[in-house]
Protein backbone atom coordinates (compact mmCIF):
# COMPACT_ATOMS: atom_id res chain seq x y z
CA UNK A 1 -10.44 -14.68 -13.16
CA UNK A 2 -8.12 -12.99 -10.67
CA UNK A 3 -4.92 -11.21 -11.49
CA UNK A 4 -2.27 -10.15 -8.98
CA UNK A 5 0.04 -7.19 -9.36
CA UNK A 6 3.05 -7.24 -7.05
CA UNK A 7 4.97 -4.29 -8.39
CA UNK A 8 8.77 -4.43 -8.30
CA UNK A 9 10.67 -7.42 -6.91
CA UNK A 10 12.08 -7.03 -3.38
CA UNK A 11 15.61 -6.29 -4.63
CA UNK A 12 14.19 -3.67 -7.00
CA UNK A 13 12.32 -1.70 -4.33
CA UNK A 14 13.74 1.82 -4.25
CA UNK A 15 13.71 3.96 -1.14
CA UNK A 16 13.10 7.13 -3.17
CA UNK A 17 9.99 5.68 -4.82
CA UNK A 18 8.66 4.38 -1.48
CA UNK A 19 9.25 7.71 0.29
CA UNK A 20 7.75 9.62 -2.63
CA UNK A 21 4.61 7.46 -2.46
CA UNK A 22 4.40 7.99 1.31
CA UNK A 23 4.83 11.77 0.98
CA UNK A 24 1.15 12.11 0.05
CA UNK A 25 -1.05 12.11 3.19
CA UNK A 26 -3.84 10.06 1.57
CA UNK A 27 -1.44 7.34 0.44
CA UNK A 28 0.36 7.35 3.79
CA UNK A 29 -2.99 6.92 5.55
CA UNK A 30 -3.83 3.92 3.34
CA UNK A 31 -0.51 2.28 4.17
CA UNK A 32 -0.85 3.15 7.86
CA UNK A 33 -4.30 1.52 7.96
CA UNK A 34 -2.81 -1.61 6.38
CA UNK A 35 0.19 -1.59 8.76
CA UNK A 36 -2.06 -1.48 11.83
CA UNK A 37 -4.40 -4.21 10.49
CA UNK A 38 -3.74 -7.87 11.20
CA UNK A 39 -1.04 -9.35 8.97
CA UNK A 40 -2.05 -10.37 5.42
CA UNK A 41 -5.46 -8.70 5.63
CA UNK A 42 -6.85 -7.92 2.20
CA UNK A 43 -9.10 -4.89 1.89
CA UNK A 44 -11.13 -3.68 -1.02
CA UNK A 45 -10.06 -0.39 -2.54
CA UNK A 46 -13.49 1.04 -1.78
CA UNK A 47 -13.07 0.36 1.97
CA UNK A 48 -10.64 3.26 2.32
CA UNK A 49 -12.34 6.58 2.94
CA UNK A 50 -10.76 9.74 1.59
CA UNK A 51 -12.21 13.09 0.51
CA UNK A 52 -11.11 12.59 -3.11
CA UNK A 53 -12.73 11.30 -6.28
CA UNK A 54 -12.72 7.66 -7.29
CA UNK A 55 -10.27 8.37 -10.12
CA UNK A 56 -7.89 10.07 -7.68
CA UNK A 57 -8.07 7.06 -5.37
CA UNK A 58 -7.29 4.81 -8.35
CA UNK A 59 -4.22 6.97 -9.01
CA UNK A 60 -3.13 6.66 -5.35
CA UNK A 61 -3.43 2.88 -5.47
CA UNK A 62 -1.40 2.77 -8.69
CA UNK A 63 1.39 4.87 -7.13
CA UNK A 64 1.43 2.62 -4.05
CA UNK A 65 1.54 -0.50 -6.20
CA UNK A 66 4.20 0.84 -8.57
CA UNK A 67 6.41 1.81 -5.63
CA UNK A 68 6.09 -1.70 -4.16
CA UNK A 69 4.20 -0.81 -0.99
CA UNK A 70 1.05 -2.77 -1.80
CA UNK A 71 -0.05 -5.77 -3.81
CA UNK A 72 -3.32 -5.50 -5.71
CA UNK A 73 -5.54 -8.35 -6.79
CA UNK A 74 -8.04 -7.71 -9.59
CA UNK A 75 -11.25 -9.72 -9.18
CA UNK A 76 -12.93 -8.16 -12.22
CA UNK A 77 -15.57 -6.05 -10.51
CA UNK A 78 -13.40 -5.08 -7.53
CA UNK A 79 -9.79 -4.91 -6.42
CA UNK A 80 -8.22 -6.18 -3.24
CA UNK A 81 -5.24 -4.53 -1.58
CA UNK A 82 -2.64 -6.08 0.73
CA UNK A 83 0.50 -4.61 2.25
CA UNK A 84 3.78 -6.16 1.12
CA UNK A 85 4.77 -6.42 4.76
CA UNK A 86 7.43 -9.14 4.51
CA UNK A 87 9.04 -7.60 1.42
CA UNK A 88 9.15 -4.14 2.99
CA UNK A 89 10.53 -5.42 6.29
CA UNK A 90 13.23 -7.29 4.38
CA UNK A 91 14.24 -4.34 2.21
CA UNK A 92 13.63 -1.45 4.65
CA UNK A 93 13.74 -2.73 8.24
CA UNK A 94 11.93 -0.41 10.65
CA UNK A 95 9.91 1.49 8.03
CA UNK A 96 6.62 -0.15 8.84
CA UNK A 97 7.21 0.21 12.57
CA UNK A 98 7.76 3.93 12.02
CA UNK A 99 4.48 4.17 10.11
CA UNK A 100 2.68 2.20 12.82
CA UNK A 101 4.01 4.57 15.49
CA UNK A 102 2.66 7.51 13.48
CA UNK A 103 -0.81 5.92 13.67
CA UNK A 104 -0.83 5.64 17.43
CA UNK A 105 -1.36 8.80 19.51
């Protein structure tokens, strides 16, 4: 059984919550990796490498989901993560382009 978690609706996305989530360098790197990936790519949570514990990564994914930056899908023994690209571009035009430009040297 799969279960999706979208976080807040598009109209409910708050700039403060999004910027707060992006203030952490580990969370910003996760979002930046998703921004630079092909559209609608789903990655497993374990595919992101960070020098933090598994429980800390779980916390980071929860913050990103609660802020509305990512959508998580629970497959039971693993979770998939996708960027809410269309929703974010609708609510905050240019934000994802800014993050993508940060990823390129």
